[in-house]
Amino acid sequence: MFGRLTARSERRARDRAAARAQEFAARMAEDAPPGIDIQSGPEGISLSGRGIVRRFALDPALRWLSAEARR
């Protein structure tokens, strides 16, 4: 009995975490600078784009996005 309850709770928690990650990625995408793609997946939220490492160092908007993600 507790095995089914635990499995159900774990499944619901994973589903809710995935939904929250997608919501957060969508909010981040609204504020992202042009040319930056933000995706949510099983590993978490990823940012990609041409020259993203260099742009991260130079573009305060990207640093702001990562600071917001840590909150």
PDB file of N, CA and C in Angstrom:
ATOM      1  N   MET A   1       0.817  -1.188   0.000  1.00  0.00           N
ATOM      2  CA  MET A   1       0.000   0.000   0.000  1.00  0.00           C
ATOM      3  C   MET A   1       0.867   1.261   0.000  1.00  0.00           C
ATOM      4  N   PHE A   2       1.852   1.301   0.871  1.00  0.00           N
ATOM      5  CA  PHE A   2       2.695   2.492   0.924  1.00  0.00           C
ATOM      6  C   PHE A   2       3.582   2.611  -0.311  1.00  0.00           C
ATOM      7  N   GLY A   3       3.907   1.491  -0.943  1.00  0.00           N
ATOM      8  CA  GLY A   3       4.700   1.530  -2.168  1.00  0.00           C
ATOM      9  C   GLY A   3       3.978   2.275  -3.274  1.00  0.00           C
ATOM     10  N   ARG A   4       2.700   1.998  -3.435  1.00  0.00           N
ATOM     11  CA  ARG A   4       1.912   2.696  -4.465  1.00  0.00           C
ATOM     12  C   ARG A   4       1.761   4.172  -4.129  1.00  0.00           C
ATOM     13  N   LEU A   5       1.554   4.463  -2.858  1.00  0.00           N
ATOM     14  CA  LEU A   5       1.415   5.851  -2.431  1.00  0.00           C
ATOM     15  C   LEU A   5       2.717   6.617  -2.657  1.00  0.00           C
ATOM     16  N   THR A   6       3.833   5.992  -2.320  1.00  0.00           N
ATOM     17  CA  THR A   6       5.134   6.622  -2.522  1.00  0.00           C
ATOM     18  C   THR A   6       5.407   6.839  -4.003  1.00  0.00           C
ATOM     19  N   ALA A   7       5.131   5.829  -4.825  1.00  0.00           N
ATOM     20  CA  ALA A   7       5.352   5.951  -6.268  1.00  0.00           C
ATOM     21  C   ALA A   7       4.494   7.067  -6.851  1.00  0.00           C
ATOM     22  N   ARG A   8       3.247   7.143  -6.419  1.00  0.00           N
ATOM     23  CA  ARG A   8       2.343   8.185  -6.918  1.00  0.00           C
ATOM     24  C   ARG A   8       2.840   9.564  -6.503  1.00  0.00           C
ATOM     25  N   SER A   9       3.276   9.701  -5.258  1.00  0.00           N
ATOM     26  CA  SER A   9       3.789  10.986  -4.769  1.00  0.00           C
ATOM     27  C   SER A   9       5.036  11.404  -5.528  1.00  0.00           C
ATOM     28  N   GLU A  10       5.937  10.461  -5.770  1.00  0.00           N
ATOM     29  CA  GLU A  10       7.156  10.765  -6.523  1.00  0.00           C
ATOM     30  C   GLU A  10       6.829  11.197  -7.948  1.00  0.00           C
ATOM     31  N   ARG A  11       5.898  10.505  -8.582  1.00  0.00           N
ATOM     32  CA  ARG A  11       5.503  10.845  -9.951  1.00  0.00           C
ATOM     33  C   ARG A  11       4.884  12.248 -10.001  1.00  0.00           C
ATOM     34  N   ARG A  12       4.025  12.563  -9.041  1.00  0.00           N
ATOM     35  CA  ARG A  12       3.404  13.882  -9.005  1.00  0.00           C
ATOM     36  C   ARG A  12       4.439  14.972  -8.740  1.00  0.00           C
ATOM     37  N   ALA A  13       5.403  14.682  -7.878  1.00  0.00           N
ATOM     38  CA  ALA A  13       6.459  15.664  -7.594  1.00  0.00           C
ATOM     39  C   ALA A  13       7.312  15.917  -8.827  1.00  0.00           C
ATOM     40  N   ARG A  14       7.677  14.855  -9.564  1.00  0.00           N
ATOM     41  CA  ARG A  14       8.458  15.022 -10.796  1.00  0.00           C
ATOM     42  C   ARG A  14       7.675  15.821 -11.827  1.00  0.00           C
ATOM     43  N   ASP A  15       6.389  15.509 -11.983  1.00  0.00           N
ATOM     44  CA  ASP A  15       5.555  16.231 -12.941  1.00  0.00           C
ATOM     45  C   ASP A  15       5.443  17.705 -12.582  1.00  0.00           C
ATOM     46  N   ARG A  16       5.276  17.994 -11.304  1.00  0.00           N
ATOM     47  CA  ARG A  16       5.155  19.390 -10.858  1.00  0.00           C
ATOM     48  C   ARG A  16       6.476  20.136 -11.040  1.00  0.00           C
ATOM     49  N   ALA A  17       7.584  19.458 -10.744  1.00  0.00           N
ATOM     50  CA  ALA A  17       8.894  20.091 -10.927  1.00  0.00           C
ATOM     51  C   ALA A  17       9.138  20.400 -12.401  1.00  0.00           C
ATOM     52  N   ALA A  18       8.764  19.492 -13.283  1.00  0.00           N
ATOM     53  CA  ALA A  18       8.934  19.728 -14.721  1.00  0.00           C
ATOM     54  C   ALA A  18       8.063  20.892 -15.187  1.00  0.00           C
ATOM     55  N   ALA A  19       6.834  20.965 -14.680  1.00  0.00           N
ATOM     56  CA  ALA A  19       5.944  22.063 -15.056  1.00  0.00           C
ATOM     57  C   ALA A  19       6.490  23.407 -14.558  1.00  0.00           C
ATOM     58  N   ARG A  20       7.010  23.435 -13.339  1.00  0.00           N
ATOM     59  CA  ARG A  20       7.581  24.672 -12.800  1.00  0.00           C
ATOM     60  C   ARG A  20       8.810  25.102 -13.597  1.00  0.00           C
ATOM     61  N   ALA A  21       9.642  24.133 -14.001  1.00  0.00           N
ATOM     62  CA  ALA A  21      10.827  24.453 -14.798  1.00  0.00           C
ATOM     63  C   ALA A  21      10.412  25.044 -16.146  1.00  0.00           C
ATOM     64  N   GLN A  22       9.372  24.485 -16.758  1.00  0.00           N
ATOM     65  CA  GLN A  22       8.894  25.018 -18.037  1.00  0.00           C
ATOM     66  C   GLN A  22       8.346  26.432 -17.871  1.00  0.00           C
ATOM     67  N   GLU A  23       7.609  26.674 -16.794  1.00  0.00           N
ATOM     68  CA  GLU A  23       7.089  28.017 -16.534  1.00  0.00           C
ATOM     69  C   GLU A  23       8.227  29.016 -16.336  1.00  0.00           C
ATOM     70  N   PHE A  24       9.229  28.613 -15.573  1.00  0.00           N
ATOM     71  CA  PHE A  24      10.351  29.494 -15.305  1.00  0.00           C
ATOM     72  C   PHE A  24      11.141  29.776 -16.583  1.00  0.00           C
ATOM     73  N   ALA A  25      11.344  28.746 -17.407  1.00  0.00           N
ATOM     74  CA  ALA A  25      12.055  28.933 -18.674  1.00  0.00           C
ATOM     75  C   ALA A  25      11.284  29.888 -19.587  1.00  0.00           C
ATOM     76  N   ALA A  26       9.972  29.785 -19.589  1.00  0.00           N
ATOM     77  CA  ALA A  26       9.158  30.683 -20.417  1.00  0.00           C
ATOM     78  C   ALA A  26       9.285  32.124 -19.931  1.00  0.00           C
ATOM     79  N   ARG A  27       9.289  32.340 -18.607  1.00  0.00           N
ATOM     80  CA  ARG A  27       9.470  33.691 -18.081  1.00  0.00           C
ATOM     81  C   ARG A  27      10.851  34.227 -18.406  1.00  0.00           C
ATOM     82  N   MET A  28      11.867  33.375 -18.321  1.00  0.00           N
ATOM     83  CA  MET A  28      13.221  33.802 -18.662  1.00  0.00           C
ATOM     84  C   MET A  28      13.318  34.164 -20.138  1.00  0.00           C
ATOM     85  N   ALA A  29      12.646  33.393 -20.991  1.00  0.00           N
ATOM     86  CA  ALA A  29      12.699  33.634 -22.439  1.00  0.00           C
ATOM     87  C   ALA A  29      12.109  34.993 -22.797  1.00  0.00           C
ATOM     88  N   GLU A  30      11.135  35.452 -22.016  1.00  0.00           N
ATOM     89  CA  GLU A  30      10.544  36.762 -22.280  1.00  0.00           C
ATOM     90  C   GLU A  30      11.566  37.883 -22.099  1.00  0.00           C
ATOM     91  N   ASP A  31      12.490  37.717 -21.153  1.00  0.00           N
ATOM     92  CA  ASP A  31      13.469  38.748 -20.844  1.00  0.00           C
ATOM     93  C   ASP A  31      14.833  38.510 -21.479  1.00  0.00           C
ATOM     94  N   ALA A  32      14.979  37.406 -22.182  1.00  0.00           N
ATOM     95  CA  ALA A  32      16.286  37.059 -22.756  1.00  0.00           C
ATOM     96  C   ALA A  32      16.655  37.998 -23.900  1.00  0.00           C
ATOM     97  N   PRO A  33      17.938  38.306 -24.016  1.00  0.00           N
ATOM     98  CA  PRO A  33      18.399  39.122 -25.142  1.00  0.00           C
ATOM     99  C   PRO A  33      18.185  38.375 -26.470  1.00  0.00           C
ATOM    100  N   PRO A  34      18.139  39.089 -27.577  1.00  0.00           N
ATOM    101  CA  PRO A  34      17.965  38.441 -28.877  1.00  0.00           C
ATOM    102  C   PRO A  34      19.077  37.426 -29.152  1.00  0.00           C
ATOM    103  N   GLY A  35      18.703  36.330 -29.777  1.00  0.00           N
ATOM    104  CA  GLY A  35      19.675  35.307 -30.152  1.00  0.00           C
ATOM    105  C   GLY A  35      19.969  34.289 -29.071  1.00  0.00           C
ATOM    106  N   ILE A  36      19.327  34.383 -27.925  1.00  0.00           N
ATOM    107  CA  ILE A  36      19.527  33.434 -26.840  1.00  0.00           C
ATOM    108  C   ILE A  36      18.296  32.540 -26.765  1.00  0.00           C
ATOM    109  N   ASP A  37      18.522  31.242 -26.829  1.00  0.00           N
ATOM    110  CA  ASP A  37      17.448  30.259 -26.770  1.00  0.00           C
ATOM    111  C   ASP A  37      17.443  29.633 -25.384  1.00  0.00           C
ATOM    112  N   ILE A  38      16.286  29.609 -24.742  1.00  0.00           N
ATOM    113  CA  ILE A  38      16.156  29.039 -23.408  1.00  0.00           C
ATOM    114  C   ILE A  38      15.208  27.852 -23.497  1.00  0.00           C
ATOM    115  N   GLN A  39      15.684  26.699 -23.028  1.00  0.00           N
ATOM    116  CA  GLN A  39      14.911  25.461 -23.097  1.00  0.00           C
ATOM    117  C   GLN A  39      14.862  24.790 -21.735  1.00  0.00           C
ATOM    118  N   SER A  40      13.765  24.141 -21.461  1.00  0.00           N
ATOM    119  CA  SER A  40      13.615  23.354 -20.248  1.00  0.00           C
ATOM    120  C   SER A  40      13.588  21.887 -20.650  1.00  0.00           C
ATOM    121  N   GLY A  41      14.352  21.069 -19.935  1.00  0.00           N
ATOM    122  CA  GLY A  41      14.406  19.641 -20.225  1.00  0.00           C
ATOM    123  C   GLY A  41      14.609  18.848 -18.953  1.00  0.00           C
ATOM    124  N   PRO A  42      14.810  17.559 -19.084  1.00  0.00           N
ATOM    125  CA  PRO A  42      14.972  16.713 -17.895  1.00  0.00           C
ATOM    126  C   PRO A  42      16.202  17.059 -17.063  1.00  0.00           C
ATOM    127  N   GLU A  43      17.203  17.667 -17.674  1.00  0.00           N
ATOM    128  CA  GLU A  43      18.420  18.038 -16.951  1.00  0.00           C
ATOM    129  C   GLU A  43      18.309  19.403 -16.281  1.00  0.00           C
ATOM    130  N   GLY A  44      17.279  20.171 -16.621  1.00  0.00           N
ATOM    131  CA  GLY A  44      17.109  21.510 -16.066  1.00  0.00           C
ATOM    132  C   GLY A  44      16.885  22.516 -17.177  1.00  0.00           C
ATOM    133  N   ILE A  45      17.226  23.745 -16.922  1.00  0.00           N
ATOM    134  CA  ILE A  45      17.047  24.827 -17.894  1.00  0.00           C
ATOM    135  C   ILE A  45      18.394  25.123 -18.533  1.00  0.00           C
ATOM    136  N   SER A  46      18.399  25.208 -19.866  1.00  0.00           N
ATOM    137  CA  SER A  46      19.653  25.479 -20.562  1.00  0.00           C
ATOM    138  C   SER A  46      19.498  26.720 -21.441  1.00  0.00           C
ATOM    139  N   LEU A  47      20.585  27.458 -21.526  1.00  0.00           N
ATOM    140  CA  LEU A  47      20.664  28.629 -22.390  1.00  0.00           C
ATOM    141  C   LEU A  47      21.640  28.298 -23.507  1.00  0.00           C
ATOM    142  N   SER A  48      21.292  28.668 -24.719  1.00  0.00           N
ATOM    143  CA  SER A  48      22.197  28.436 -25.836  1.00  0.00           C
ATOM    144  C   SER A  48      22.083  29.601 -26.813  1.00  0.00           C
ATOM    145  N   GLY A  49      23.090  29.732 -27.630  1.00  0.00           N
ATOM    146  CA  GLY A  49      23.119  30.784 -28.635  1.00  0.00           C
ATOM    147  C   GLY A  49      24.538  31.005 -29.103  1.00  0.00           C
ATOM    148  N   ARG A  50      24.648  31.669 -30.205  1.00  0.00           N
ATOM    149  CA  ARG A  50      25.962  31.925 -30.790  1.00  0.00           C
ATOM    150  C   ARG A  50      26.792  32.811 -29.867  1.00  0.00           C
ATOM    151  N   GLY A  51      27.988  32.353 -29.542  1.00  0.00           N
ATOM    152  CA  GLY A  51      28.905  33.114 -28.707  1.00  0.00           C
ATOM    153  C   GLY A  51      28.412  33.347 -27.290  1.00  0.00           C
ATOM    154  N   ILE A  52      27.662  32.395 -26.745  1.00  0.00           N
ATOM    155  CA  ILE A  52      27.040  32.619 -25.443  1.00  0.00           C
ATOM    156  C   ILE A  52      28.047  32.816 -24.319  1.00  0.00           C
ATOM    157  N   VAL A  53      29.179  32.146 -24.373  1.00  0.00           N
ATOM    158  CA  VAL A  53      30.180  32.300 -23.305  1.00  0.00           C
ATOM    159  C   VAL A  53      30.733  33.724 -23.320  1.00  0.00           C
ATOM    160  N   ARG A  54      31.080  34.211 -24.487  1.00  0.00           N
ATOM    161  CA  ARG A  54      31.587  35.580 -24.610  1.00  0.00           C
ATOM    162  C   ARG A  54      30.494  36.573 -24.246  1.00  0.00           C
ATOM    163  N   ARG A  55      29.294  36.321 -24.732  1.00  0.00           N
ATOM    164  CA  ARG A  55      28.187  37.229 -24.455  1.00  0.00           C
ATOM    165  C   ARG A  55      27.847  37.257 -22.969  1.00  0.00           C
ATOM    166  N   PHE A  56      27.998  36.124 -22.303  1.00  0.00           N
ATOM    167  CA  PHE A  56      27.718  36.085 -20.869  1.00  0.00           C
ATOM    168  C   PHE A  56      28.655  37.024 -20.121  1.00  0.00           C
ATOM    169  N   ALA A  57      29.892  37.057 -20.564  1.00  0.00           N
ATOM    170  CA  ALA A  57      30.869  37.931 -19.905  1.00  0.00           C
ATOM    171  C   ALA A  57      30.595  39.403 -20.200  1.00  0.00           C
ATOM    172  N   LEU A  58      30.031  39.712 -21.368  1.00  0.00           N
ATOM    173  CA  LEU A  58      29.868  41.106 -21.784  1.00  0.00           C
ATOM    174  C   LEU A  58      28.452  41.663 -21.622  1.00  0.00           C
ATOM    175  N   ASP A  59      27.468  40.803 -21.610  1.00  0.00           N
ATOM    176  CA  ASP A  59      26.077  41.263 -21.626  1.00  0.00           C
ATOM    177  C   ASP A  59      25.457  41.184 -20.228  1.00  0.00           C
ATOM    178  N   PRO A  60      25.169  42.326 -19.610  1.00  0.00           N
ATOM    179  CA  PRO A  60      24.591  42.294 -18.266  1.00  0.00           C
ATOM    180  C   PRO A  60      23.224  41.609 -18.213  1.00  0.00           C
ATOM    181  N   ALA A  61      22.485  41.614 -19.320  1.00  0.00           N
ATOM    182  CA  ALA A  61      21.178  40.971 -19.331  1.00  0.00           C
ATOM    183  C   ALA A  61      21.299  39.461 -19.095  1.00  0.00           C
ATOM    184  N   LEU A  62      22.336  38.839 -19.644  1.00  0.00           N
ATOM    185  CA  LEU A  62      22.539  37.407 -19.414  1.00  0.00           C
ATOM    186  C   LEU A  62      22.939  37.135 -17.971  1.00  0.00           C
ATOM    187  N   ARG A  63      23.776  37.983 -17.422  1.00  0.00           N
ATOM    188  CA  ARG A  63      24.157  37.803 -16.016  1.00  0.00           C
ATOM    189  C   ARG A  63      22.945  37.980 -15.114  1.00  0.00           C
ATOM    190  N   TRP A  64      22.055  38.893 -15.473  1.00  0.00           N
ATOM    191  CA  TRP A  64      20.854  39.109 -14.690  1.00  0.00           C
ATOM    192  C   TRP A  64      19.968  37.862 -14.718  1.00  0.00           C
ATOM    193  N   LEU A  65      19.849  37.242 -15.903  1.00  0.00           N
ATOM    194  CA  LEU A  65      19.030  36.028 -15.999  1.00  0.00           C
ATOM    195  C   LEU A  65      19.577  34.933 -15.088  1.00  0.00           C
ATOM    196  N   SER A  66      20.869  34.755 -15.069  1.00  0.00           N
ATOM    197  CA  SER A  66      21.446  33.692 -14.233  1.00  0.00           C
ATOM    198  C   SER A  66      21.322  34.043 -12.756  1.00  0.00           C
ATOM    199  N   ALA A  67      21.388  35.314 -12.410  1.00  0.00           N
ATOM    200  CA  ALA A  67      21.209  35.712 -11.010  1.00  0.00           C
ATOM    201  C   ALA A  67      19.782  35.459 -10.562  1.00  0.00           C
ATOM    202  N   GLU A  68      18.811  35.712 -11.429  1.00  0.00           N
ATOM    203  CA  GLU A  68      17.416  35.445 -11.105  1.00  0.00           C
ATOM    204  C   GLU A  68      17.182  33.954 -10.930  1.00  0.00           C
ATOM    205  N   ALA A  69      17.856  33.135 -11.715  1.00  0.00           N
ATOM    206  CA  ALA A  69      17.680  31.686 -11.642  1.00  0.00           C
ATOM    207  C   ALA A  69      18.156  31.129 -10.318  1.00  0.00           C
ATOM    208  N   ARG A  70      19.098  31.773  -9.685  1.00  0.00           N
ATOM    209  CA  ARG A  70      19.625  31.272  -8.406  1.00  0.00           C
ATOM    210  C   ARG A  70      18.733  31.607  -7.228  1.00  0.00           C
ATOM    211  N   ARG A  71      17.772  32.474  -7.415  1.00  0.00           N
ATOM    212  CA  ARG A  71      16.885  32.854  -6.295  1.00  0.00           C
ATOM    213  C   ARG A  71      15.875  31.792  -5.998  1.00  0.00           C
TER     214      ARG A  71
END
